[in-house]
Amino acid sequence: MSEDTDDWMAPPDEYILEEMQSDDVFSPTHIEEADICRGPDAAYRCRELAKRGLLRKHAPGLYDITDLGERVLEGSVDPDELEAED
Protein backbone atom coordinates (compact mmCIF):
# COMPACT_ATOMS: atom_id res chain seq x y z
CA MET A 1 0.00 0.00 0.00
CA SER A 2 1.06 3.56 -0.45
CA GLU A 3 2.50 5.65 2.32
CA ASP A 4 -0.40 8.09 2.01
CA THR A 5 -3.35 7.24 4.22
CA ASP A 6 -6.50 6.97 2.16
CA ASP A 7 -9.46 9.15 3.17
CA TRP A 8 -11.47 6.31 4.67
CA MET A 9 -8.56 4.27 6.02
CA ALA A 10 -7.25 4.79 9.52
CA PRO A 11 -3.59 4.34 10.48
CA PRO A 12 -4.08 0.89 12.10
CA ASP A 13 -6.03 -0.60 9.15
CA GLU A 14 -3.02 -2.00 7.30
CA TYR A 15 -1.74 -3.54 10.54
CA ILE A 16 -5.18 -5.04 11.22
CA LEU A 17 -5.24 -6.62 7.75
CA GLU A 18 -1.72 -7.97 8.21
CA GLU A 19 -2.64 -9.40 11.62
CA MET A 20 -5.80 -10.97 10.19
CA GLN A 21 -3.63 -12.98 7.77
CA SER A 22 -2.67 -15.20 10.71
CA ASP A 23 -4.85 -18.29 11.16
CA ASP A 24 -5.22 -17.70 14.89
CA VAL A 25 -6.32 -14.04 14.64
CA PHE A 26 -9.99 -13.55 13.96
CA SER A 27 -11.45 -10.99 16.34
CA PRO A 28 -10.97 -7.40 17.50
CA THR A 29 -9.81 -8.83 20.84
CA HIS A 30 -6.85 -10.41 19.06
CA ILE A 31 -6.06 -7.05 17.45
CA GLU A 32 -6.05 -5.43 20.89
CA GLU A 33 -3.83 -8.20 22.28
CA ALA A 34 -1.38 -7.57 19.41
CA ASP A 35 -1.23 -3.95 20.70
CA ILE A 36 -2.38 -2.49 17.38
CA CYS A 37 -5.23 -0.47 18.87
CA ARG A 38 -7.80 -0.62 21.67
CA GLY A 39 -10.55 -3.25 21.44
CA PRO A 40 -13.43 -0.83 20.74
CA ASP A 41 -11.36 0.87 18.03
CA ALA A 42 -10.41 -2.50 16.55
CA ALA A 43 -14.07 -3.56 16.49
CA TYR A 44 -15.03 -0.35 14.67
CA ARG A 45 -12.17 -0.64 12.17
CA CYS A 46 -13.01 -4.30 11.47
CA ARG A 47 -16.59 -3.28 10.68
CA GLU A 48 -15.32 -0.55 8.35
CA LEU A 49 -12.93 -2.95 6.61
CA ALA A 50 -15.77 -5.48 6.24
CA LYS A 51 -18.00 -2.81 4.65
CA ARG A 52 -15.43 -2.45 1.88
CA GLY A 53 -14.94 -6.18 1.43
CA LEU A 54 -11.46 -6.41 2.95
CA LEU A 55 -12.66 -8.55 5.87
CA ARG A 56 -15.49 -11.08 5.94
CA LYS A 57 -17.71 -11.06 9.02
CA HIS A 58 -18.62 -14.63 9.97
CA ALA A 59 -20.47 -13.78 13.19
CA PRO A 60 -20.52 -10.86 15.62
CA GLY A 61 -16.87 -10.17 16.44
CA LEU A 62 -15.47 -12.90 14.15
CA TYR A 63 -13.67 -11.84 10.97
CA ASP A 64 -11.37 -13.24 8.31
CA ILE A 65 -9.34 -11.45 5.64
CA THR A 66 -10.76 -11.75 2.12
CA ASP A 67 -8.96 -12.18 -1.19
CA LEU A 68 -9.61 -8.49 -1.79
CA GLY A 69 -7.96 -7.66 1.55
CA GLU A 70 -4.96 -9.76 0.53
CA ARG A 71 -4.74 -7.92 -2.80
CA VAL A 72 -4.86 -4.53 -1.05
CA LEU A 73 -1.90 -5.59 1.12
CA GLU A 74 -0.03 -6.76 -1.99
CA GLY A 75 -0.64 -3.38 -3.60
CA SER A 76 -2.56 -4.76 -6.58
CA VAL A 77 -5.81 -3.03 -5.52
CA ASP A 78 -6.07 0.67 -4.68
CA PRO A 79 -8.11 1.14 -1.47
CA ASP A 80 -9.21 4.58 -2.75
CA GLU A 81 -11.33 2.80 -5.33
CA LEU A 82 -13.30 0.74 -2.79
CA GLU A 83 -16.75 1.87 -1.78
CA ALA A 84 -18.57 0.96 1.40
CA GLU A 85 -21.51 -1.41 1.26
CA ASP A 86 -24.56 -0.43 3.27
C-alpha atoms as a PDB file:
ATOM      1  CA  MET A   1       0.000   0.000   0.000  1.00  0.00           C
ATOM      2  CA  SER A   2       1.060   3.557  -0.451  1.00  0.00           C
ATOM      3  CA  GLU A   3       2.504   5.651   2.317  1.00  0.00           C
ATOM      4  CA  ASP A   4      -0.401   8.090   2.014  1.00  0.00           C
ATOM      5  CA  THR A   5      -3.347   7.244   4.225  1.00  0.00           C
ATOM      6  CA  ASP A   6      -6.502   6.970   2.165  1.00  0.00           C
ATOM      7  CA  ASP A   7      -9.464   9.154   3.169  1.00  0.00           C
ATOM      8  CA  TRP A   8     -11.467   6.306   4.669  1.00  0.00           C
ATOM      9  CA  MET A   9      -8.561   4.273   6.016  1.00  0.00           C
ATOM     10  CA  ALA A  10      -7.251   4.792   9.522  1.00  0.00           C
ATOM     11  CA  PRO A  11      -3.587   4.338  10.476  1.00  0.00           C
ATOM     12  CA  PRO A  12      -4.084   0.893  12.098  1.00  0.00           C
ATOM     13  CA  ASP A  13      -6.028  -0.596   9.149  1.00  0.00           C
ATOM     14  CA  GLU A  14      -3.024  -2.003   7.296  1.00  0.00           C
ATOM     15  CA  TYR A  15      -1.740  -3.544  10.543  1.00  0.00           C
ATOM     16  CA  ILE A  16      -5.182  -5.036  11.224  1.00  0.00           C
ATOM     17  CA  LEU A  17      -5.242  -6.619   7.754  1.00  0.00           C
ATOM     18  CA  GLU A  18      -1.719  -7.969   8.215  1.00  0.00           C
ATOM     19  CA  GLU A  19      -2.640  -9.399  11.616  1.00  0.00           C
ATOM     20  CA  MET A  20      -5.802 -10.972  10.189  1.00  0.00           C
ATOM     21  CA  GLN A  21      -3.635 -12.985   7.774  1.00  0.00           C
ATOM     22  CA  SER A  22      -2.667 -15.195  10.715  1.00  0.00           C
ATOM     23  CA  ASP A  23      -4.850 -18.289  11.162  1.00  0.00           C
ATOM     24  CA  ASP A  24      -5.225 -17.696  14.892  1.00  0.00           C
ATOM     25  CA  VAL A  25      -6.315 -14.042  14.640  1.00  0.00           C
ATOM     26  CA  PHE A  26      -9.987 -13.553  13.956  1.00  0.00           C
ATOM     27  CA  SER A  27     -11.448 -10.992  16.336  1.00  0.00           C
ATOM     28  CA  PRO A  28     -10.973  -7.398  17.502  1.00  0.00           C
ATOM     29  CA  THR A  29      -9.812  -8.830  20.843  1.00  0.00           C
ATOM     30  CA  HIS A  30      -6.847 -10.412  19.062  1.00  0.00           C
ATOM     31  CA  ILE A  31      -6.060  -7.054  17.451  1.00  0.00           C
ATOM     32  CA  GLU A  32      -6.047  -5.425  20.886  1.00  0.00           C
ATOM     33  CA  GLU A  33      -3.828  -8.204  22.277  1.00  0.00           C
ATOM     34  CA  ALA A  34      -1.378  -7.569  19.410  1.00  0.00           C
ATOM     35  CA  ASP A  35      -1.231  -3.954  20.698  1.00  0.00           C
ATOM     36  CA  ILE A  36      -2.381  -2.489  17.377  1.00  0.00           C
ATOM     37  CA  CYS A  37      -5.234  -0.475  18.874  1.00  0.00           C
ATOM     38  CA  ARG A  38      -7.802  -0.623  21.668  1.00  0.00           C
ATOM     39  CA  GLY A  39     -10.546  -3.250  21.440  1.00  0.00           C
ATOM     40  CA  PRO A  40     -13.434  -0.829  20.744  1.00  0.00           C
ATOM     41  CA  ASP A  41     -11.365   0.875  18.035  1.00  0.00           C
ATOM     42  CA  ALA A  42     -10.408  -2.502  16.546  1.00  0.00           C
ATOM     43  CA  ALA A  43     -14.072  -3.559  16.489  1.00  0.00           C
ATOM     44  CA  TYR A  44     -15.030  -0.351  14.667  1.00  0.00           C
ATOM     45  CA  ARG A  45     -12.167  -0.637  12.169  1.00  0.00           C
ATOM     46  CA  CYS A  46     -13.006  -4.303  11.475  1.00  0.00           C
ATOM     47  CA  ARG A  47     -16.594  -3.284  10.682  1.00  0.00           C
ATOM     48  CA  GLU A  48     -15.320  -0.548   8.350  1.00  0.00           C
ATOM     49  CA  LEU A  49     -12.929  -2.948   6.607  1.00  0.00           C
ATOM     50  CA  ALA A  50     -15.766  -5.476   6.236  1.00  0.00           C
ATOM     51  CA  LYS A  51     -17.997  -2.811   4.655  1.00  0.00           C
ATOM     52  CA  ARG A  52     -15.427  -2.449   1.883  1.00  0.00           C
ATOM     53  CA  GLY A  53     -14.944  -6.181   1.429  1.00  0.00           C
ATOM     54  CA  LEU A  54     -11.462  -6.407   2.947  1.00  0.00           C
ATOM     55  CA  LEU A  55     -12.655  -8.548   5.870  1.00  0.00           C
ATOM     56  CA  ARG A  56     -15.486 -11.078   5.943  1.00  0.00           C
ATOM     57  CA  LYS A  57     -17.711 -11.061   9.016  1.00  0.00           C
ATOM     58  CA  HIS A  58     -18.618 -14.634   9.971  1.00  0.00           C
ATOM     59  CA  ALA A  59     -20.474 -13.784  13.189  1.00  0.00           C
ATOM     60  CA  PRO A  60     -20.519 -10.862  15.622  1.00  0.00           C
ATOM     61  CA  GLY A  61     -16.868 -10.171  16.436  1.00  0.00           C
ATOM     62  CA  LEU A  62     -15.468 -12.898  14.148  1.00  0.00           C
ATOM     63  CA  TYR A  63     -13.668 -11.844  10.967  1.00  0.00           C
ATOM     64  CA  ASP A  64     -11.366 -13.236   8.314  1.00  0.00           C
ATOM     65  CA  ILE A  65      -9.343 -11.448   5.639  1.00  0.00           C
ATOM     66  CA  THR A  66     -10.759 -11.747   2.119  1.00  0.00           C
ATOM     67  CA  ASP A  67      -8.958 -12.182  -1.187  1.00  0.00           C
ATOM     68  CA  LEU A  68      -9.613  -8.489  -1.793  1.00  0.00           C
ATOM     69  CA  GLY A  69      -7.965  -7.658   1.550  1.00  0.00           C
ATOM     70  CA  GLU A  70      -4.961  -9.758   0.529  1.00  0.00           C
ATOM     71  CA  ARG A  71      -4.745  -7.917  -2.799  1.00  0.00           C
ATOM     72  CA  VAL A  72      -4.855  -4.528  -1.050  1.00  0.00           C
ATOM     73  CA  LEU A  73      -1.904  -5.586   1.118  1.00  0.00           C
ATOM     74  CA  GLU A  74      -0.032  -6.760  -1.991  1.00  0.00           C
ATOM     75  CA  GLY A  75      -0.642  -3.381  -3.596  1.00  0.00           C
ATOM     76  CA  SER A  76      -2.557  -4.762  -6.579  1.00  0.00           C
ATOM     77  CA  VAL A  77      -5.815  -3.030  -5.517  1.00  0.00           C
ATOM     78  CA  ASP A  78      -6.067   0.666  -4.677  1.00  0.00           C
ATOM     79  CA  PRO A  79      -8.107   1.138  -1.471  1.00  0.00           C
ATOM     80  CA  ASP A  80      -9.211   4.578  -2.748  1.00  0.00           C
ATOM     81  CA  GLU A  81     -11.331   2.798  -5.329  1.00  0.00           C
ATOM     82  CA  LEU A  82     -13.298   0.743  -2.788  1.00  0.00           C
ATOM     83  CA  GLU A  83     -16.748   1.868  -1.775  1.00  0.00           C
ATOM     84  CA  ALA A  84     -18.570   0.963   1.405  1.00  0.00           C
ATOM     85  CA  GLU A  85     -21.514  -1.412   1.261  1.00  0.00           C
ATOM     86  CA  ASP A  86     -24.558  -0.432   3.267  1.00  0.00           C
END
